[in-house]
Amino acid sequence: MLTNDNQGIPYLKSMTSLLNKMVMEGYSANFKVNENGLEDLTSNKVYQPEEVQIKNFFRFEGVTDPEDMAILYVIETNDGTRGTLVDAYGTYADANINEFIKKVESIHKKTTNEN
């Protein structure tokens, strides 16, 4: 379940649906955070926090299982690469992702009414 007021919007009912929508909107890169920064898993290019904008983010909570708690970051880099990064939150959060995100200065949360 998504933890904001957008539960009536079909693509926000599951992380899979939202990921599919993001790919259709051009956010097709898959990112991971490692000791060097944010890595595009296709090109292996690594970005530093100042090269990254978080265009939006969505938090999902499992109804009965804390392992289902996750956050999806929608990202655009300074060279135009667009993609997503998924992390657990709470007990299962990745400390490397958390530290990287804290260093990103451009973080936006859009409502579904924004373009």
PDB file of N, CA and C in Angstrom:
ATOM      1  N   MET A   1       0.839  -1.173   0.000  1.00  0.00           N
ATOM      2  CA  MET A   1       0.000   0.000   0.000  1.00  0.00           C
ATOM      3  C   MET A   1       0.885   1.237   0.000  1.00  0.00           C
ATOM      4  N   LEU A   2       0.518   2.235  -0.739  1.00  0.00           N
ATOM      5  CA  LEU A   2       1.224   3.503  -0.774  1.00  0.00           C
ATOM      6  C   LEU A   2       0.801   4.316   0.434  1.00  0.00           C
ATOM      7  N   THR A   3       1.714   5.067   1.009  1.00  0.00           N
ATOM      8  CA  THR A   3       1.407   5.766   2.249  1.00  0.00           C
ATOM      9  C   THR A   3       1.019   7.225   2.035  1.00  0.00           C
ATOM     10  N   ASN A   4       0.482   7.580   0.872  1.00  0.00           N
ATOM     11  CA  ASN A   4      -0.064   8.925   0.715  1.00  0.00           C
ATOM     12  C   ASN A   4      -1.508   8.825   0.245  1.00  0.00           C
ATOM     13  N   ASP A   5      -2.072   9.912  -0.199  1.00  0.00           N
ATOM     14  CA  ASP A   5      -3.491   9.931  -0.538  1.00  0.00           C
ATOM     15  C   ASP A   5      -3.794   9.482  -1.959  1.00  0.00           C
ATOM     16  N   ASN A   6      -2.895   8.809  -2.621  1.00  0.00           N
ATOM     17  CA  ASN A   6      -3.067   8.464  -4.027  1.00  0.00           C
ATOM     18  C   ASN A   6      -3.476   7.007  -4.249  1.00  0.00           C
ATOM     19  N   GLN A   7      -4.070   6.391  -3.264  1.00  0.00           N
ATOM     20  CA  GLN A   7      -4.392   4.972  -3.370  1.00  0.00           C
ATOM     21  C   GLN A   7      -5.427   4.675  -4.443  1.00  0.00           C
ATOM     22  N   GLY A   8      -6.220   5.674  -4.847  1.00  0.00           N
ATOM     23  CA  GLY A   8      -7.225   5.455  -5.872  1.00  0.00           C
ATOM     24  C   GLY A   8      -6.657   5.464  -7.281  1.00  0.00           C
ATOM     25  N   ILE A   9      -5.382   5.780  -7.436  1.00  0.00           N
ATOM     26  CA  ILE A   9      -4.750   5.821  -8.747  1.00  0.00           C
ATOM     27  C   ILE A   9      -4.131   4.456  -9.015  1.00  0.00           C
ATOM     28  N   PRO A  10      -4.572   3.752 -10.067  1.00  0.00           N
ATOM     29  CA  PRO A  10      -4.157   2.361 -10.274  1.00  0.00           C
ATOM     30  C   PRO A  10      -2.653   2.108 -10.260  1.00  0.00           C
ATOM     31  N   TYR A  11      -1.862   2.965 -10.908  1.00  0.00           N
ATOM     32  CA  TYR A  11      -0.431   2.690 -10.976  1.00  0.00           C
ATOM     33  C   TYR A  11       0.272   2.902  -9.634  1.00  0.00           C
ATOM     34  N   LEU A  12      -0.412   3.466  -8.652  1.00  0.00           N
ATOM     35  CA  LEU A  12       0.200   3.660  -7.342  1.00  0.00           C
ATOM     36  C   LEU A  12      -0.168   2.566  -6.347  1.00  0.00           C
ATOM     37  N   LYS A  13      -0.888   1.556  -6.798  1.00  0.00           N
ATOM     38  CA  LYS A  13      -1.300   0.490  -5.888  1.00  0.00           C
ATOM     39  C   LYS A  13      -0.213  -0.539  -5.645  1.00  0.00           C
ATOM     40  N   SER A  14       0.786  -0.602  -6.521  1.00  0.00           N
ATOM     41  CA  SER A  14       1.895  -1.536  -6.304  1.00  0.00           C
ATOM     42  C   SER A  14       3.179  -0.940  -6.864  1.00  0.00           C
ATOM     43  N   MET A  15       4.277  -1.383  -6.306  1.00  0.00           N
ATOM     44  CA  MET A  15       5.580  -0.924  -6.779  1.00  0.00           C
ATOM     45  C   MET A  15       5.790  -1.353  -8.229  1.00  0.00           C
ATOM     46  N   THR A  16       5.369  -2.545  -8.590  1.00  0.00           N
ATOM     47  CA  THR A  16       5.536  -3.032  -9.964  1.00  0.00           C
ATOM     48  C   THR A  16       4.801  -2.138 -10.960  1.00  0.00           C
ATOM     49  N   SER A  17       3.569  -1.782 -10.647  1.00  0.00           N
ATOM     50  CA  SER A  17       2.797  -0.907 -11.535  1.00  0.00           C
ATOM     51  C   SER A  17       3.469   0.444 -11.683  1.00  0.00           C
ATOM     52  N   LEU A  18       3.962   0.986 -10.581  1.00  0.00           N
ATOM     53  CA  LEU A  18       4.629   2.277 -10.629  1.00  0.00           C
ATOM     54  C   LEU A  18       5.935   2.199 -11.416  1.00  0.00           C
ATOM     55  N   LEU A  19       6.714   1.136 -11.209  1.00  0.00           N
ATOM     56  CA  LEU A  19       7.953   0.962 -11.979  1.00  0.00           C
ATOM     57  C   LEU A  19       7.659   0.897 -13.475  1.00  0.00           C
ATOM     58  N   ASN A  20       6.620   0.159 -13.850  1.00  0.00           N
ATOM     59  CA  ASN A  20       6.239   0.068 -15.266  1.00  0.00           C
ATOM     60  C   ASN A  20       5.869   1.442 -15.816  1.00  0.00           C
ATOM     61  N   LYS A  21       5.119   2.230 -15.043  1.00  0.00           N
ATOM     62  CA  LYS A  21       4.745   3.577 -15.478  1.00  0.00           C
ATOM     63  C   LYS A  21       5.985   4.451 -15.633  1.00  0.00           C
ATOM     64  N   MET A  22       6.921   4.353 -14.726  1.00  0.00           N
ATOM     65  CA  MET A  22       8.139   5.169 -14.812  1.00  0.00           C
ATOM     66  C   MET A  22       8.950   4.813 -16.061  1.00  0.00           C
ATOM     67  N   VAL A  23       9.042   3.538 -16.392  1.00  0.00           N
ATOM     68  CA  VAL A  23       9.742   3.111 -17.614  1.00  0.00           C
ATOM     69  C   VAL A  23       9.046   3.705 -18.836  1.00  0.00           C
ATOM     70  N   MET A  24       7.702   3.663 -18.853  1.00  0.00           N
ATOM     71  CA  MET A  24       6.961   4.236 -19.980  1.00  0.00           C
ATOM     72  C   MET A  24       7.181   5.743 -20.085  1.00  0.00           C
ATOM     73  N   GLU A  25       7.486   6.402 -18.975  1.00  0.00           N
ATOM     74  CA  GLU A  25       7.750   7.838 -18.982  1.00  0.00           C
ATOM     75  C   GLU A  25       9.224   8.161 -19.240  1.00  0.00           C
ATOM     76  N   GLY A  26      10.031   7.134 -19.511  1.00  0.00           N
ATOM     77  CA  GLY A  26      11.420   7.360 -19.871  1.00  0.00           C
ATOM     78  C   GLY A  26      12.427   7.165 -18.750  1.00  0.00           C
ATOM     79  N   TYR A  27      11.977   6.737 -17.597  1.00  0.00           N
ATOM     80  CA  TYR A  27      12.882   6.479 -16.468  1.00  0.00           C
ATOM     81  C   TYR A  27      13.268   5.000 -16.490  1.00  0.00           C
ATOM     82  N   SER A  28      14.066   4.629 -17.485  1.00  0.00           N
ATOM     83  CA  SER A  28      14.330   3.212 -17.742  1.00  0.00           C
ATOM     84  C   SER A  28      15.631   2.687 -17.136  1.00  0.00           C
ATOM     85  N   ALA A  29      16.516   3.563 -16.708  1.00  0.00           N
ATOM     86  CA  ALA A  29      17.780   3.095 -16.113  1.00  0.00           C
ATOM     87  C   ALA A  29      17.516   2.508 -14.725  1.00  0.00           C
ATOM     88  N   ASN A  30      18.285   1.505 -14.392  1.00  0.00           N
ATOM     89  CA  ASN A  30      18.252   0.927 -13.050  1.00  0.00           C
ATOM     90  C   ASN A  30      19.522   1.353 -12.337  1.00  0.00           C
ATOM     91  N   PHE A  31      19.354   1.947 -11.170  1.00  0.00           N
ATOM     92  CA  PHE A  31      20.487   2.432 -10.407  1.00  0.00           C
ATOM     93  C   PHE A  31      20.702   1.609  -9.157  1.00  0.00           C
ATOM     94  N   LYS A  32      21.949   1.599  -8.687  1.00  0.00           N
ATOM     95  CA  LYS A  32      22.269   1.065  -7.371  1.00  0.00           C
ATOM     96  C   LYS A  32      23.326   1.983  -6.767  1.00  0.00           C
ATOM     97  N   VAL A  33      23.404   1.986  -5.456  1.00  0.00           N
ATOM     98  CA  VAL A  33      24.411   2.775  -4.766  1.00  0.00           C
ATOM     99  C   VAL A  33      25.503   1.833  -4.297  1.00  0.00           C
ATOM    100  N   ASN A  34      26.743   2.209  -4.583  1.00  0.00           N
ATOM    101  CA  ASN A  34      27.887   1.454  -4.077  1.00  0.00           C
ATOM    102  C   ASN A  34      28.861   2.436  -3.436  1.00  0.00           C
ATOM    103  N   GLU A  35      30.028   1.975  -3.071  1.00  0.00           N
ATOM    104  CA  GLU A  35      30.999   2.838  -2.379  1.00  0.00           C
ATOM    105  C   GLU A  35      31.484   4.004  -3.244  1.00  0.00           C
ATOM    106  N   ASN A  36      31.286   3.918  -4.566  1.00  0.00           N
ATOM    107  CA  ASN A  36      31.741   4.976  -5.474  1.00  0.00           C
ATOM    108  C   ASN A  36      30.675   6.015  -5.781  1.00  0.00           C
ATOM    109  N   GLY A  37      29.404   5.698  -5.537  1.00  0.00           N
ATOM    110  CA  GLY A  37      28.310   6.615  -5.832  1.00  0.00           C
ATOM    111  C   GLY A  37      27.108   5.871  -6.376  1.00  0.00           C
ATOM    112  N   LEU A  38      26.304   6.563  -7.179  1.00  0.00           N
ATOM    113  CA  LEU A  38      25.116   5.996  -7.797  1.00  0.00           C
ATOM    114  C   LEU A  38      25.505   5.433  -9.154  1.00  0.00           C
ATOM    115  N   GLU A  39      25.328   4.136  -9.338  1.00  0.00           N
ATOM    116  CA  GLU A  39      25.765   3.480 -10.571  1.00  0.00           C
ATOM    117  C   GLU A  39      24.585   3.109 -11.452  1.00  0.00           C
ATOM    118  N   ASP A  40      24.685   3.459 -12.734  1.00  0.00           N
ATOM    119  CA  ASP A  40      23.740   3.001 -13.745  1.00  0.00           C
ATOM    120  C   ASP A  40      24.151   1.569 -14.090  1.00  0.00           C
ATOM    121  N   LEU A  41      23.282   0.610 -13.847  1.00  0.00           N
ATOM    122  CA  LEU A  41      23.639  -0.797 -14.012  1.00  0.00           C
ATOM    123  C   LEU A  41      23.834  -1.210 -15.469  1.00  0.00           C
ATOM    124  N   THR A  42      23.351  -0.407 -16.418  1.00  0.00           N
ATOM    125  CA  THR A  42      23.555  -0.729 -17.832  1.00  0.00           C
ATOM    126  C   THR A  42      24.876  -0.186 -18.346  1.00  0.00           C
ATOM    127  N   SER A  43      25.129   1.090 -18.088  1.00  0.00           N
ATOM    128  CA  SER A  43      26.340   1.727 -18.621  1.00  0.00           C
ATOM    129  C   SER A  43      27.522   1.649 -17.659  1.00  0.00           C
ATOM    130  N   ASN A  44      27.255   1.314 -16.417  1.00  0.00           N
ATOM    131  CA  ASN A  44      28.259   1.284 -15.343  1.00  0.00           C
ATOM    132  C   ASN A  44      28.817   2.665 -15.019  1.00  0.00           C
ATOM    133  N   LYS A  45      28.185   3.726 -15.529  1.00  0.00           N
ATOM    134  CA  LYS A  45      28.608   5.075 -15.184  1.00  0.00           C
ATOM    135  C   LYS A  45      28.201   5.341 -13.739  1.00  0.00           C
ATOM    136  N   VAL A  46      29.069   6.038 -13.015  1.00  0.00           N
ATOM    137  CA  VAL A  46      28.826   6.342 -11.607  1.00  0.00           C
ATOM    138  C   VAL A  46      28.643   7.846 -11.449  1.00  0.00           C
ATOM    139  N   TYR A  47      27.627   8.218 -10.697  1.00  0.00           N
ATOM    140  CA  TYR A  47      27.288   9.614 -10.457  1.00  0.00           C
ATOM    141  C   TYR A  47      27.482   9.951  -8.984  1.00  0.00           C
ATOM    142  N   GLN A  48      27.890  11.185  -8.747  1.00  0.00           N
ATOM    143  CA  GLN A  48      28.033  11.702  -7.395  1.00  0.00           C
ATOM    144  C   GLN A  48      26.747  12.450  -7.013  1.00  0.00           C
ATOM    145  N   PRO A  49      26.498  12.659  -5.721  1.00  0.00           N
ATOM    146  CA  PRO A  49      25.242  13.301  -5.301  1.00  0.00           C
ATOM    147  C   PRO A  49      24.944  14.626  -5.998  1.00  0.00           C
ATOM    148  N   GLU A  50      25.959  15.423  -6.269  1.00  0.00           N
ATOM    149  CA  GLU A  50      25.742  16.715  -6.918  1.00  0.00           C
ATOM    150  C   GLU A  50      25.372  16.574  -8.397  1.00  0.00           C
ATOM    151  N   GLU A  51      25.460  15.372  -8.950  1.00  0.00           N
ATOM    152  CA  GLU A  51      25.107  15.115 -10.350  1.00  0.00           C
ATOM    153  C   GLU A  51      23.713  14.507 -10.482  1.00  0.00           C
ATOM    154  N   VAL A  52      22.983  14.444  -9.368  1.00  0.00           N
ATOM    155  CA  VAL A  52      21.718  13.712  -9.314  1.00  0.00           C
ATOM    156  C   VAL A  52      20.589  14.615  -8.829  1.00  0.00           C
ATOM    157  N   GLN A  53      19.434  14.465  -9.462  1.00  0.00           N
ATOM    158  CA  GLN A  53      18.204  15.094  -8.986  1.00  0.00           C
ATOM    159  C   GLN A  53      17.196  13.992  -8.703  1.00  0.00           C
ATOM    160  N   ILE A  54      16.582  14.041  -7.554  1.00  0.00           N
ATOM    161  CA  ILE A  54      15.483  13.126  -7.266  1.00  0.00           C
ATOM    162  C   ILE A  54      14.214  13.860  -7.655  1.00  0.00           C
ATOM    163  N   LYS A  55      13.595  13.386  -8.737  1.00  0.00           N
ATOM    164  CA  LYS A  55      12.430  14.050  -9.302  1.00  0.00           C
ATOM    165  C   LYS A  55      11.152  13.758  -8.515  1.00  0.00           C
ATOM    166  N   ASN A  56      11.124  12.602  -7.865  1.00  0.00           N
ATOM    167  CA  ASN A  56       9.968  12.207  -7.071  1.00  0.00           C
ATOM    168  C   ASN A  56      10.349  10.986  -6.261  1.00  0.00           C
ATOM    169  N   PHE A  57       9.557  10.654  -5.281  1.00  0.00           N
ATOM    170  CA  PHE A  57       9.767   9.427  -4.523  1.00  0.00           C
ATOM    171  C   PHE A  57       8.431   8.947  -3.977  1.00  0.00           C
ATOM    172  N   PHE A  58       8.339   7.638  -3.802  1.00  0.00           N
ATOM    173  CA  PHE A  58       7.110   6.991  -3.353  1.00  0.00           C
ATOM    174  C   PHE A  58       7.454   5.957  -2.293  1.00  0.00           C
ATOM    175  N   ARG A  59       6.701   5.952  -1.227  1.00  0.00           N
ATOM    176  CA  ARG A  59       6.939   4.998  -0.143  1.00  0.00           C
ATOM    177  C   ARG A  59       5.784   4.012  -0.103  1.00  0.00           C
ATOM    178  N   PHE A  60       6.130   2.744  -0.033  1.00  0.00           N
ATOM    179  CA  PHE A  60       5.146   1.669   0.036  1.00  0.00           C
ATOM    180  C   PHE A  60       5.301   0.941   1.358  1.00  0.00           C
ATOM    181  N   GLU A  61       4.170   0.524   1.931  1.00  0.00           N
ATOM    182  CA  GLU A  61       4.201  -0.249   3.173  1.00  0.00           C
ATOM    183  C   GLU A  61       3.452  -1.554   2.953  1.00  0.00           C
ATOM    184  N   GLY A  62       4.058  -2.642   3.399  1.00  0.00           N
ATOM    185  CA  GLY A  62       3.374  -3.921   3.374  1.00  0.00           C
ATOM    186  C   GLY A  62       2.282  -3.942   4.425  1.00  0.00           C
ATOM    187  N   VAL A  63       1.181  -4.549   4.106  1.00  0.00           N
ATOM    188  CA  VAL A  63       0.052  -4.574   5.031  1.00  0.00           C
ATOM    189  C   VAL A  63       0.389  -5.359   6.290  1.00  0.00           C
ATOM    190  N   THR A  64       1.057  -6.498   6.131  1.00  0.00           N
ATOM    191  CA  THR A  64       1.336  -7.337   7.296  1.00  0.00           C
ATOM    192  C   THR A  64       2.802  -7.649   7.501  1.00  0.00           C
ATOM    193  N   ASP A  65       3.626  -7.396   6.507  1.00  0.00           N
ATOM    194  CA  ASP A  65       5.027  -7.808   6.577  1.00  0.00           C
ATOM    195  C   ASP A  65       5.958  -6.602   6.484  1.00  0.00           C
ATOM    196  N   PRO A  66       6.720  -6.308   7.544  1.00  0.00           N
ATOM    197  CA  PRO A  66       7.648  -5.171   7.498  1.00  0.00           C
ATOM    198  C   PRO A  66       8.691  -5.273   6.393  1.00  0.00           C
ATOM    199  N   GLU A  67       8.954  -6.474   5.895  1.00  0.00           N
ATOM    200  CA  GLU A  67       9.913  -6.628   4.800  1.00  0.00           C
ATOM    201  C   GLU A  67       9.383  -6.029   3.500  1.00  0.00           C
ATOM    202  N   ASP A  68       8.075  -5.743   3.439  1.00  0.00           N
ATOM    203  CA  ASP A  68       7.478  -5.166   2.237  1.00  0.00           C
ATOM    204  C   ASP A  68       7.587  -3.653   2.194  1.00  0.00           C
ATOM    205  N   MET A  69       8.190  -3.034   3.196  1.00  0.00           N
ATOM    206  CA  MET A  69       8.317  -1.584   3.218  1.00  0.00           C
ATOM    207  C   MET A  69       9.447  -1.175   2.283  1.00  0.00           C
ATOM    208  N   ALA A  70       9.120  -0.296   1.319  1.00  0.00           N
ATOM    209  CA  ALA A  70      10.118   0.115   0.337  1.00  0.00           C
ATOM    210  C   ALA A  70       9.865   1.552  -0.093  1.00  0.00           C
ATOM    211  N   ILE A  71      10.909   2.151  -0.643  1.00  0.00           N
ATOM    212  CA  ILE A  71      10.798   3.489  -1.211  1.00  0.00           C
ATOM    213  C   ILE A  71      11.402   3.452  -2.617  1.00  0.00           C
ATOM    214  N   LEU A  72      10.707   4.090  -3.541  1.00  0.00           N
ATOM    215  CA  LEU A  72      11.145   4.168  -4.928  1.00  0.00           C
ATOM    216  C   LEU A  72      11.537   5.609  -5.209  1.00  0.00           C
ATOM    217  N   TYR A  73      12.782   5.811  -5.626  1.00  0.00           N
ATOM    218  CA  TYR A  73      13.278   7.129  -6.014  1.00  0.00           C
ATOM    219  C   TYR A  73      13.270   7.219  -7.531  1.00  0.00           C
ATOM    220  N   VAL A  74      12.713   8.306  -8.067  1.00  0.00           N
ATOM    221  CA  VAL A  74      12.705   8.588  -9.496  1.00  0.00           C
ATOM    222  C   VAL A  74      13.806   9.620  -9.725  1.00  0.00           C
ATOM    223  N   ILE A  75      14.802   9.248 -10.539  1.00  0.00           N
ATOM    224  CA  ILE A  75      16.057   9.996 -10.615  1.00  0.00           C
ATOM    225  C   ILE A  75      16.362  10.457 -12.033  1.00  0.00           C
ATOM    226  N   GLU A  76      16.942  11.668 -12.123  1.00  0.00           N
ATOM    227  CA  GLU A  76      17.522  12.147 -13.369  1.00  0.00           C
ATOM    228  C   GLU A  76      18.922  12.669 -13.054  1.00  0.00           C
ATOM    229  N   THR A  77      19.878  12.299 -13.886  1.00  0.00           N
ATOM    230  CA  THR A  77      21.262  12.731 -13.671  1.00  0.00           C
ATOM    231  C   THR A  77      21.570  13.955 -14.520  1.00  0.00           C
ATOM    232  N   ASN A  78      22.708  14.564 -14.269  1.00  0.00           N
ATOM    233  CA  ASN A  78      23.091  15.777 -14.998  1.00  0.00           C
ATOM    234  C   ASN A  78      23.322  15.538 -16.488  1.00  0.00           C
ATOM    235  N   ASP A  79      23.546  14.291 -16.906  1.00  0.00           N
ATOM    236  CA  ASP A  79      23.720  14.023 -18.339  1.00  0.00           C
ATOM    237  C   ASP A  79      22.425  13.530 -18.996  1.00  0.00           C
ATOM    238  N   GLY A  80      21.311  13.597 -18.250  1.00  0.00           N
ATOM    239  CA  GLY A  80      20.013  13.235 -18.815  1.00  0.00           C
ATOM    240  C   GLY A  80      19.601  11.793 -18.615  1.00  0.00           C
ATOM    241  N   THR A  81      20.427  10.981 -17.990  1.00  0.00           N
ATOM    242  CA  THR A  81      20.040   9.593 -17.706  1.00  0.00           C
ATOM    243  C   THR A  81      18.908   9.610 -16.692  1.00  0.00           C
ATOM    244  N   ARG A  82      17.850   8.862 -16.996  1.00  0.00           N
ATOM    245  CA  ARG A  82      16.672   8.831 -16.128  1.00  0.00           C
ATOM    246  C   ARG A  82      16.370   7.401 -15.723  1.00  0.00           C
ATOM    247  N   GLY A  83      16.109   7.207 -14.441  1.00  0.00           N
ATOM    248  CA  GLY A  83      15.820   5.865 -13.971  1.00  0.00           C
ATOM    249  C   GLY A  83      15.317   5.857 -12.545  1.00  0.00           C
ATOM    250  N   THR A  84      15.372   4.677 -11.938  1.00  0.00           N
ATOM    251  CA  THR A  84      14.827   4.490 -10.600  1.00  0.00           C
ATOM    252  C   THR A  84      15.817   3.764  -9.697  1.00  0.00           C
ATOM    253  N   LEU A  85      15.619   3.981  -8.416  1.00  0.00           N
ATOM    254  CA  LEU A  85      16.388   3.323  -7.370  1.00  0.00           C
ATOM    255  C   LEU A  85      15.394   2.884  -6.310  1.00  0.00           C
ATOM    256  N   VAL A  86      15.465   1.625  -5.901  1.00  0.00           N
ATOM    257  CA  VAL A  86      14.561   1.084  -4.892  1.00  0.00           C
ATOM    258  C   VAL A  86      15.356   0.736  -3.646  1.00  0.00           C
ATOM    259  N   ASP A  87      14.786   1.080  -2.503  1.00  0.00           N
ATOM    260  CA  ASP A  87      15.402   0.746  -1.222  1.00  0.00           C
ATOM    261  C   ASP A  87      14.308   0.330  -0.253  1.00  0.00           C
ATOM    262  N   ALA A  88      14.671  -0.519   0.672  1.00  0.00           N
ATOM    263  CA  ALA A  88      13.793  -0.797   1.806  1.00  0.00           C
ATOM    264  C   ALA A  88      13.890   0.396   2.734  1.00  0.00           C
ATOM    265  N   TYR A  89      12.981   0.510   3.661  1.00  0.00           N
ATOM    266  CA  TYR A  89      13.179   1.519   4.687  1.00  0.00           C
ATOM    267  C   TYR A  89      12.842   0.909   6.036  1.00  0.00           C
ATOM    268  N   GLY A  90      13.235   1.621   7.058  1.00  0.00           N
ATOM    269  CA  GLY A  90      13.093   1.073   8.399  1.00  0.00           C
ATOM    270  C   GLY A  90      14.272   0.171   8.689  1.00  0.00           C
ATOM    271  N   THR A  91      14.009  -0.912   9.350  1.00  0.00           N
ATOM    272  CA  THR A  91      15.039  -1.853   9.774  1.00  0.00           C
ATOM    273  C   THR A  91      15.877  -2.377   8.617  1.00  0.00           C
ATOM    274  N   TYR A  92      15.263  -2.558   7.460  1.00  0.00           N
ATOM    275  CA  TYR A  92      15.935  -3.199   6.337  1.00  0.00           C
ATOM    276  C   TYR A  92      16.562  -2.218   5.349  1.00  0.00           C
ATOM    277  N   ALA A  93      16.566  -0.934   5.664  1.00  0.00           N
ATOM    278  CA  ALA A  93      17.111   0.074   4.746  1.00  0.00           C
ATOM    279  C   ALA A  93      18.611  -0.134   4.541  1.00  0.00           C
ATOM    280  N   ASP A  94      19.054   0.180   3.342  1.00  0.00           N
ATOM    281  CA  ASP A  94      20.472   0.098   2.983  1.00  0.00           C
ATOM    282  C   ASP A  94      21.162   1.383   3.433  1.00  0.00           C
ATOM    283  N   ALA A  95      22.100   1.281   4.344  1.00  0.00           N
ATOM    284  CA  ALA A  95      22.795   2.456   4.886  1.00  0.00           C
ATOM    285  C   ALA A  95      23.519   3.240   3.799  1.00  0.00           C
ATOM    286  N   ASN A  96      24.062   2.566   2.792  1.00  0.00           N
ATOM    287  CA  ASN A  96      24.755   3.261   1.696  1.00  0.00           C
ATOM    288  C   ASN A  96      23.796   4.144   0.904  1.00  0.00           C
ATOM    289  N   ILE A  97      22.608   3.632   0.627  1.00  0.00           N
ATOM    290  CA  ILE A  97      21.613   4.427  -0.101  1.00  0.00           C
ATOM    291  C   ILE A  97      21.197   5.618   0.749  1.00  0.00           C
ATOM    292  N   ASN A  98      20.926   5.368   2.005  1.00  0.00           N
ATOM    293  CA  ASN A  98      20.508   6.436   2.916  1.00  0.00           C
ATOM    294  C   ASN A  98      21.542   7.565   2.949  1.00  0.00           C
ATOM    295  N   GLU A  99      22.811   7.226   3.068  1.00  0.00           N
ATOM    296  CA  GLU A  99      23.865   8.246   3.103  1.00  0.00           C
ATOM    297  C   GLU A  99      23.968   8.994   1.786  1.00  0.00           C
ATOM    298  N   PHE A 100      23.835   8.292   0.669  1.00  0.00           N
ATOM    299  CA  PHE A 100      23.891   8.948  -0.643  1.00  0.00           C
ATOM    300  C   PHE A 100      22.731   9.931  -0.795  1.00  0.00           C
ATOM    301  N   ILE A 101      21.520   9.488  -0.480  1.00  0.00           N
ATOM    302  CA  ILE A 101      20.333  10.329  -0.635  1.00  0.00           C
ATOM    303  C   ILE A 101      20.448  11.580   0.235  1.00  0.00           C
ATOM    304  N   LYS A 102      20.981  11.458   1.423  1.00  0.00           N
ATOM    305  CA  LYS A 102      21.157  12.619   2.306  1.00  0.00           C
ATOM    306  C   LYS A 102      22.039  13.690   1.663  1.00  0.00           C
ATOM    307  N   LYS A 103      22.951  13.286   0.791  1.00  0.00           N
ATOM    308  CA  LYS A 103      23.876  14.228   0.146  1.00  0.00           C
ATOM    309  C   LYS A 103      23.300  14.871  -1.115  1.00  0.00           C
ATOM    310  N   VAL A 104      22.223  14.322  -1.639  1.00  0.00           N
ATOM    311  CA  VAL A 104      21.598  14.884  -2.840  1.00  0.00           C
ATOM    312  C   VAL A 104      20.863  16.159  -2.432  1.00  0.00           C
ATOM    313  N   GLU A 105      21.190  17.248  -3.085  1.00  0.00           N
ATOM    314  CA  GLU A 105      20.586  18.528  -2.724  1.00  0.00           C
ATOM    315  C   GLU A 105      19.258  18.784  -3.428  1.00  0.00           C
ATOM    316  N   SER A 106      19.048  18.185  -4.581  1.00  0.00           N
ATOM    317  CA  SER A 106      17.839  18.431  -5.360  1.00  0.00           C
ATOM    318  C   SER A 106      16.879  17.249  -5.202  1.00  0.00           C
ATOM    319  N   ILE A 107      15.956  17.385  -4.256  1.00  0.00           N
ATOM    320  CA  ILE A 107      14.966  16.332  -3.991  1.00  0.00           C
ATOM    321  C   ILE A 107      13.584  16.970  -4.051  1.00  0.00           C
ATOM    322  N   HIS A 108      12.714  16.404  -4.877  1.00  0.00           N
ATOM    323  CA  HIS A 108      11.369  16.930  -5.061  1.00  0.00           C
ATOM    324  C   HIS A 108      10.346  15.842  -4.792  1.00  0.00           C
ATOM    325  N   LYS A 109       9.229  16.241  -4.228  1.00  0.00           N
ATOM    326  CA  LYS A 109       8.085  15.347  -4.079  1.00  0.00           C
ATOM    327  C   LYS A 109       6.933  15.993  -4.819  1.00  0.00           C
ATOM    328  N   LYS A 110       6.526  15.378  -5.906  1.00  0.00           N
ATOM    329  CA  LYS A 110       5.426  15.908  -6.705  1.00  0.00           C
ATOM    330  C   LYS A 110       4.129  15.253  -6.278  1.00  0.00           C
ATOM    331  N   THR A 111       3.051  15.983  -6.395  1.00  0.00           N
ATOM    332  CA  THR A 111       1.736  15.404  -6.186  1.00  0.00           C
ATOM    333  C   THR A 111       1.259  14.875  -7.525  1.00  0.00           C
ATOM    334  N   THR A 112       0.232  14.086  -7.519  1.00  0.00           N
ATOM    335  CA  THR A 112      -0.280  13.537  -8.777  1.00  0.00           C
ATOM    336  C   THR A 112      -0.912  14.605  -9.640  1.00  0.00           C
ATOM    337  N   ASN A 113      -1.181  15.798  -9.095  1.00  0.00           N
ATOM    338  CA  ASN A 113      -1.755  16.885  -9.873  1.00  0.00           C
ATOM    339  C   ASN A 113      -0.702  17.682 -10.635  1.00  0.00           C
ATOM    340  N   GLU A 114       0.574  17.476 -10.324  1.00  0.00           N
ATOM    341  CA  GLU A 114       1.648  18.197 -11.007  1.00  0.00           C
ATOM    342  C   GLU A 114       2.021  17.495 -12.292  1.00  0.00           C
ATOM    343  N   ASN A 115       2.528  18.252 -13.240  1.00  0.00           N
ATOM    344  CA  ASN A 115       3.015  17.654 -14.501  1.00  0.00           C
ATOM    345  C   ASN A 115       4.443  17.248 -14.376  1.00  0.00           C
TER     346      ASN A 115
END
